[in-house]
N, C-alpha and C. Protein backbone atom coordinates (compact mmCIF):
# COMPACT_ATOMS: atom_id res chain seq x y z
N MET A 1 180.35 50.42 267.00
CA MET A 1 181.28 49.41 266.58
C MET A 1 181.46 49.46 265.07
N ALA A 2 180.37 49.64 264.31
CA ALA A 2 180.46 49.70 262.86
C ALA A 2 181.23 50.93 262.42
N SER A 3 181.08 52.01 263.20
CA SER A 3 181.76 53.25 262.85
C SER A 3 183.29 53.10 262.96
N SER A 4 183.76 52.41 264.00
CA SER A 4 185.21 52.26 264.18
C SER A 4 185.80 51.33 263.13
N SER A 5 185.09 50.28 262.72
CA SER A 5 185.64 49.39 261.69
C SER A 5 185.62 50.09 260.33
N SER A 6 184.63 50.97 260.09
CA SER A 6 184.61 51.75 258.85
C SER A 6 185.78 52.72 258.81
N SER A 7 186.06 53.33 259.94
CA SER A 7 187.19 54.26 260.03
C SER A 7 188.51 53.53 259.81
N PHE A 8 188.63 52.35 260.39
CA PHE A 8 189.84 51.55 260.22
C PHE A 8 190.03 51.15 258.76
N LEU A 9 188.94 50.72 258.13
CA LEU A 9 188.99 50.31 256.72
C LEU A 9 189.37 51.51 255.84
N LEU A 10 188.80 52.67 256.11
CA LEU A 10 189.12 53.88 255.35
C LEU A 10 190.60 54.24 255.52
N ALA A 11 191.10 54.15 256.75
CA ALA A 11 192.52 54.47 256.99
C ALA A 11 193.43 53.49 256.25
N ALA A 12 193.06 52.22 256.22
CA ALA A 12 193.86 51.22 255.52
C ALA A 12 193.87 51.49 254.02
N VAL A 13 192.74 51.85 253.45
CA VAL A 13 192.65 52.16 252.02
C VAL A 13 193.51 53.38 251.69
N VAL A 14 193.46 54.39 252.54
CA VAL A 14 194.26 55.61 252.31
C VAL A 14 195.76 55.27 252.35
N LEU A 15 196.18 54.47 253.32
CA LEU A 15 197.59 54.10 253.41
C LEU A 15 198.05 53.31 252.18
N VAL A 16 197.24 52.38 251.71
CA VAL A 16 197.57 51.60 250.52
C VAL A 16 197.68 52.53 249.31
N ALA A 17 196.77 53.46 249.17
CA ALA A 17 196.79 54.40 248.04
C ALA A 17 198.05 55.28 248.10
N LEU A 18 198.39 55.77 249.28
CA LEU A 18 199.59 56.60 249.41
C LEU A 18 200.85 55.81 249.08
N PHE A 19 200.92 54.57 249.51
CA PHE A 19 202.07 53.73 249.21
C PHE A 19 202.17 53.48 247.70
N ALA A 20 201.05 53.21 247.07
CA ALA A 20 201.05 52.94 245.62
C ALA A 20 201.48 54.18 244.84
N ILE A 21 201.01 55.34 245.24
CA ILE A 21 201.37 56.58 244.54
C ILE A 21 202.85 56.89 244.77
N GLY A 22 203.31 56.71 246.00
CA GLY A 22 204.70 57.01 246.34
C GLY A 22 205.69 56.09 245.67
N SER A 23 205.29 54.86 245.35
CA SER A 23 206.24 53.92 244.76
C SER A 23 206.17 53.92 243.24
N CYS A 24 205.28 54.71 242.66
CA CYS A 24 205.19 54.77 241.21
C CYS A 24 206.35 55.60 240.68
N GLY A 25 206.80 55.26 239.53
CA GLY A 25 207.86 56.01 238.89
C GLY A 25 208.14 55.38 237.54
N THR A 26 209.06 55.97 236.85
CA THR A 26 209.48 55.45 235.56
C THR A 26 210.83 54.78 235.74
N GLU A 27 210.99 53.61 235.16
CA GLU A 27 212.28 52.94 235.24
C GLU A 27 213.30 53.68 234.38
N LEU A 28 214.43 54.00 234.97
CA LEU A 28 215.51 54.66 234.26
C LEU A 28 216.16 53.68 233.29
N THR A 29 216.24 54.06 232.03
CA THR A 29 216.98 53.27 231.05
C THR A 29 218.12 54.10 230.49
N LEU A 30 219.16 53.41 230.06
CA LEU A 30 220.33 54.05 229.45
C LEU A 30 220.46 53.54 228.02
N THR A 31 220.45 54.46 227.08
CA THR A 31 220.67 54.11 225.68
C THR A 31 222.08 54.54 225.32
N ILE A 32 222.82 53.64 224.69
CA ILE A 32 224.17 53.96 224.26
C ILE A 32 224.08 54.77 222.97
N GLY A 33 224.61 55.99 222.99
CA GLY A 33 224.54 56.89 221.85
C GLY A 33 225.24 56.35 220.61
N LYS A 34 224.74 56.75 219.46
CA LYS A 34 225.28 56.29 218.17
C LYS A 34 226.74 56.69 217.97
N ASP A 35 227.17 57.77 218.65
CA ASP A 35 228.55 58.23 218.49
C ASP A 35 229.52 57.58 219.48
N SER A 36 229.08 56.57 220.22
CA SER A 36 229.95 55.89 221.18
C SER A 36 230.98 55.03 220.44
N SER A 37 232.14 54.88 221.09
CA SER A 37 233.22 54.07 220.52
C SER A 37 233.98 53.41 221.67
N SER A 38 235.13 52.84 221.38
CA SER A 38 235.90 52.20 222.44
C SER A 38 236.46 53.21 223.44
N THR A 39 236.56 54.49 223.04
CA THR A 39 237.09 55.52 223.95
C THR A 39 236.08 56.62 224.29
N LYS A 40 234.87 56.48 223.78
CA LYS A 40 233.82 57.48 224.06
C LYS A 40 232.52 56.76 224.37
N LEU A 41 231.92 57.12 225.50
CA LEU A 41 230.64 56.55 225.89
C LEU A 41 229.62 57.66 226.00
N SER A 42 228.62 57.62 225.16
CA SER A 42 227.55 58.59 225.17
C SER A 42 226.31 57.90 225.72
N LEU A 43 225.77 58.42 226.81
CA LEU A 43 224.61 57.83 227.47
C LEU A 43 223.41 58.75 227.36
N ILE A 44 222.29 58.20 226.94
CA ILE A 44 221.05 58.96 226.84
C ILE A 44 220.07 58.36 227.83
N THR A 45 219.59 59.19 228.76
CA THR A 45 218.63 58.71 229.76
C THR A 45 217.22 59.03 229.30
N ASN A 46 216.27 58.20 229.71
CA ASN A 46 214.87 58.41 229.32
C ASN A 46 214.14 59.35 230.27
N VAL A 47 214.75 59.69 231.39
CA VAL A 47 214.17 60.63 232.36
C VAL A 47 215.26 61.60 232.80
N ALA A 48 214.84 62.71 233.38
CA ALA A 48 215.78 63.74 233.81
C ALA A 48 216.53 63.30 235.06
N VAL A 49 217.85 63.27 234.97
CA VAL A 49 218.73 63.01 236.11
C VAL A 49 219.87 64.03 236.03
N SER A 50 220.65 64.12 237.08
CA SER A 50 221.78 65.05 237.07
C SER A 50 222.96 64.41 237.77
N GLU A 51 224.09 65.12 237.75
CA GLU A 51 225.32 64.68 238.41
C GLU A 51 225.66 63.24 238.06
N VAL A 52 225.69 62.95 236.77
CA VAL A 52 225.97 61.61 236.27
C VAL A 52 227.47 61.36 236.25
N SER A 53 227.87 60.18 236.70
CA SER A 53 229.26 59.75 236.58
C SER A 53 229.28 58.25 236.34
N VAL A 54 230.40 57.76 235.82
CA VAL A 54 230.53 56.34 235.52
C VAL A 54 231.82 55.81 236.14
N LYS A 55 231.85 54.49 236.31
CA LYS A 55 233.06 53.82 236.80
C LYS A 55 233.30 52.58 235.96
N PRO A 56 234.23 52.68 234.99
CA PRO A 56 234.56 51.51 234.19
C PRO A 56 235.25 50.44 235.05
N LYS A 57 235.25 49.22 234.56
CA LYS A 57 235.91 48.12 235.26
C LYS A 57 237.38 48.48 235.50
N GLY A 58 237.85 48.22 236.70
CA GLY A 58 239.23 48.48 237.05
C GLY A 58 239.48 49.87 237.63
N ALA A 59 238.55 50.80 237.46
CA ALA A 59 238.71 52.14 238.01
C ALA A 59 238.53 52.08 239.53
N THR A 60 239.25 52.92 240.25
CA THR A 60 239.14 52.93 241.71
C THR A 60 237.99 53.79 242.20
N ASP A 61 237.54 54.73 241.36
CA ASP A 61 236.46 55.62 241.77
C ASP A 61 235.66 56.04 240.55
N PHE A 62 234.54 56.69 240.81
CA PHE A 62 233.70 57.20 239.73
C PHE A 62 234.37 58.39 239.06
N SER A 63 234.04 58.61 237.80
CA SER A 63 234.54 59.76 237.04
C SER A 63 234.01 61.05 237.65
N ASP A 64 234.57 62.16 237.21
CA ASP A 64 233.96 63.45 237.52
C ASP A 64 232.59 63.46 236.86
N ASP A 65 231.71 64.36 237.31
CA ASP A 65 230.38 64.45 236.70
C ASP A 65 230.51 64.70 235.20
N LEU A 66 229.70 63.98 234.44
CA LEU A 66 229.72 64.12 232.98
C LEU A 66 228.90 65.33 232.57
N LYS A 67 229.33 65.99 231.52
CA LYS A 67 228.58 67.14 231.01
C LYS A 67 227.34 66.65 230.29
N GLU A 68 226.25 67.40 230.46
CA GLU A 68 224.97 67.07 229.82
C GLU A 68 224.77 67.99 228.62
N SER A 69 224.76 67.41 227.43
CA SER A 69 224.51 68.19 226.23
C SER A 69 224.31 67.24 225.07
N PRO A 70 223.20 67.27 224.39
CA PRO A 70 221.96 67.97 224.72
C PRO A 70 221.28 67.35 225.94
N ALA A 71 220.04 67.78 226.20
CA ALA A 71 219.32 67.32 227.39
C ALA A 71 219.28 65.79 227.46
N ASN A 72 219.53 65.27 228.66
CA ASN A 72 219.49 63.84 228.96
C ASN A 72 220.57 63.04 228.23
N THR A 73 221.61 63.70 227.72
CA THR A 73 222.71 63.01 227.05
C THR A 73 224.01 63.37 227.77
N PHE A 74 224.72 62.33 228.22
CA PHE A 74 225.94 62.50 229.00
C PHE A 74 227.07 61.76 228.30
N THR A 75 228.24 62.40 228.22
CA THR A 75 229.35 61.81 227.48
C THR A 75 230.58 61.63 228.35
N PHE A 76 231.18 60.44 228.24
CA PHE A 76 232.42 60.11 228.94
C PHE A 76 233.48 59.85 227.89
N ASP A 77 234.55 60.66 227.89
CA ASP A 77 235.67 60.49 226.97
C ASP A 77 236.86 59.94 227.74
N SER A 78 237.58 59.02 227.10
CA SER A 78 238.73 58.40 227.73
C SER A 78 239.88 58.31 226.73
N LYS A 79 241.11 58.44 227.22
CA LYS A 79 242.27 58.26 226.36
C LYS A 79 242.52 56.78 226.10
N GLU A 80 242.11 55.95 227.04
CA GLU A 80 242.26 54.50 226.93
C GLU A 80 240.91 53.87 226.56
N PRO A 81 240.92 52.68 225.97
CA PRO A 81 239.64 52.01 225.72
C PRO A 81 238.84 51.83 227.02
N ILE A 82 237.55 52.06 226.95
CA ILE A 82 236.67 51.95 228.12
C ILE A 82 236.35 50.48 228.35
N LYS A 83 236.64 50.01 229.55
CA LYS A 83 236.41 48.60 229.88
C LYS A 83 235.13 48.44 230.68
N GLY A 84 234.35 47.46 230.33
CA GLY A 84 233.14 47.16 231.07
C GLY A 84 233.33 45.92 231.89
N PRO A 85 232.37 45.60 232.72
CA PRO A 85 231.10 46.32 232.87
C PRO A 85 231.32 47.68 233.54
N ILE A 86 230.35 48.56 233.29
CA ILE A 86 230.43 49.94 233.75
C ILE A 86 229.31 50.22 234.75
N SER A 87 229.69 50.81 235.88
CA SER A 87 228.70 51.22 236.88
C SER A 87 228.30 52.66 236.60
N PHE A 88 227.09 53.01 237.05
CA PHE A 88 226.48 54.30 236.73
C PHE A 88 225.99 54.92 238.03
N ARG A 89 226.34 56.19 238.27
CA ARG A 89 225.88 56.91 239.47
C ARG A 89 225.20 58.19 239.02
N PHE A 90 224.11 58.55 239.70
CA PHE A 90 223.37 59.75 239.32
C PHE A 90 222.61 60.31 240.51
N ALA A 91 222.21 61.58 240.36
CA ALA A 91 221.33 62.22 241.33
C ALA A 91 219.97 62.34 240.66
N ALA A 92 218.96 61.78 241.28
CA ALA A 92 217.61 61.90 240.75
C ALA A 92 217.12 63.32 240.98
N LYS A 93 216.36 63.85 240.05
CA LYS A 93 215.86 65.23 240.18
C LYS A 93 215.01 65.39 241.44
N ALA A 94 214.37 64.30 241.86
CA ALA A 94 213.54 64.35 243.07
C ALA A 94 214.40 64.30 244.33
N GLY A 95 215.70 64.03 244.18
CA GLY A 95 216.61 64.02 245.32
C GLY A 95 217.24 62.66 245.55
N GLY A 96 218.43 62.66 246.08
CA GLY A 96 219.13 61.44 246.44
C GLY A 96 220.04 60.93 245.34
N TYR A 97 221.16 60.34 245.76
CA TYR A 97 222.11 59.72 244.83
C TYR A 97 221.84 58.23 244.75
N ARG A 98 222.03 57.69 243.57
CA ARG A 98 221.83 56.25 243.37
C ARG A 98 222.97 55.70 242.53
N VAL A 99 223.33 54.45 242.81
CA VAL A 99 224.38 53.76 242.06
C VAL A 99 223.80 52.47 241.51
N VAL A 100 224.08 52.22 240.24
CA VAL A 100 223.69 50.96 239.60
C VAL A 100 224.98 50.29 239.16
N ASP A 101 225.34 49.21 239.84
CA ASP A 101 226.60 48.53 239.55
C ASP A 101 226.49 47.69 238.27
N ASP A 102 227.55 47.75 237.46
CA ASP A 102 227.72 46.90 236.29
C ASP A 102 226.52 46.88 235.36
N VAL A 103 225.86 48.01 235.17
CA VAL A 103 224.64 48.09 234.35
C VAL A 103 224.95 48.03 232.85
N ILE A 104 226.13 48.52 232.46
CA ILE A 104 226.50 48.50 231.05
C ILE A 104 227.55 47.41 230.87
N PRO A 105 227.27 46.41 230.04
CA PRO A 105 228.20 45.28 229.90
C PRO A 105 229.47 45.64 229.14
N ALA A 106 230.46 44.77 229.22
CA ALA A 106 231.75 44.98 228.55
C ALA A 106 231.59 45.10 227.04
N ASP A 107 230.62 44.41 226.48
CA ASP A 107 230.44 44.41 225.02
C ASP A 107 229.34 45.37 224.58
N PHE A 108 229.25 46.55 225.25
CA PHE A 108 228.20 47.51 224.90
C PHE A 108 228.31 47.92 223.44
N LYS A 109 227.16 48.18 222.84
CA LYS A 109 227.09 48.58 221.43
C LYS A 109 226.24 49.83 221.30
N ALA A 110 226.59 50.68 220.34
CA ALA A 110 225.80 51.88 220.06
C ALA A 110 224.37 51.47 219.74
N GLY A 111 223.42 52.19 220.31
CA GLY A 111 222.01 51.92 220.08
C GLY A 111 221.38 50.96 221.09
N ALA A 112 222.20 50.25 221.86
CA ALA A 112 221.66 49.31 222.84
C ALA A 112 220.99 50.06 223.98
N VAL A 113 219.96 49.46 224.56
CA VAL A 113 219.23 50.04 225.70
C VAL A 113 219.38 49.10 226.89
N TYR A 114 219.76 49.67 228.02
CA TYR A 114 219.94 48.88 229.24
C TYR A 114 219.01 49.40 230.33
N LYS A 115 218.29 48.49 230.95
CA LYS A 115 217.40 48.83 232.06
C LYS A 115 218.20 48.83 233.35
N THR A 116 217.98 49.85 234.17
CA THR A 116 218.73 49.97 235.43
C THR A 116 218.01 49.33 236.61
N GLY A 117 216.70 49.17 236.51
CA GLY A 117 215.93 48.69 237.65
C GLY A 117 215.61 49.79 238.64
N GLU A 118 216.06 51.02 238.39
CA GLU A 118 215.83 52.15 239.28
C GLU A 118 214.58 52.91 238.85
N GLN A 119 213.68 53.14 239.80
CA GLN A 119 212.47 53.93 239.55
C GLN A 119 212.76 55.38 239.94
N VAL A 120 212.53 56.30 239.01
CA VAL A 120 212.75 57.72 239.30
C VAL A 120 211.53 58.53 238.93
């Protein structure tokens, strides 16, 4: 009887440890680049992501994927002033697409940092 309860306890501890390890990650933050303006949005991520696109307020769909240059820096250029709030879509390097709605406010400023709430 003691052996089976020890085995059960060990299995429970292992499951808790696996869940804790699997849910650990770094929260993705977006820093607005110093060169951003009303028609240019430069986003710097704190972790590696790919296939980044944005959807300004009023747009019907997300932009084409933004070019990454330098590493972790993505730029969106527009002929018209960029209207916020702005939604952000990306592919995590570990896999899967994620969307963060309205993460960048209408009054975004160069140098500001926005937390996405997404663990990657």
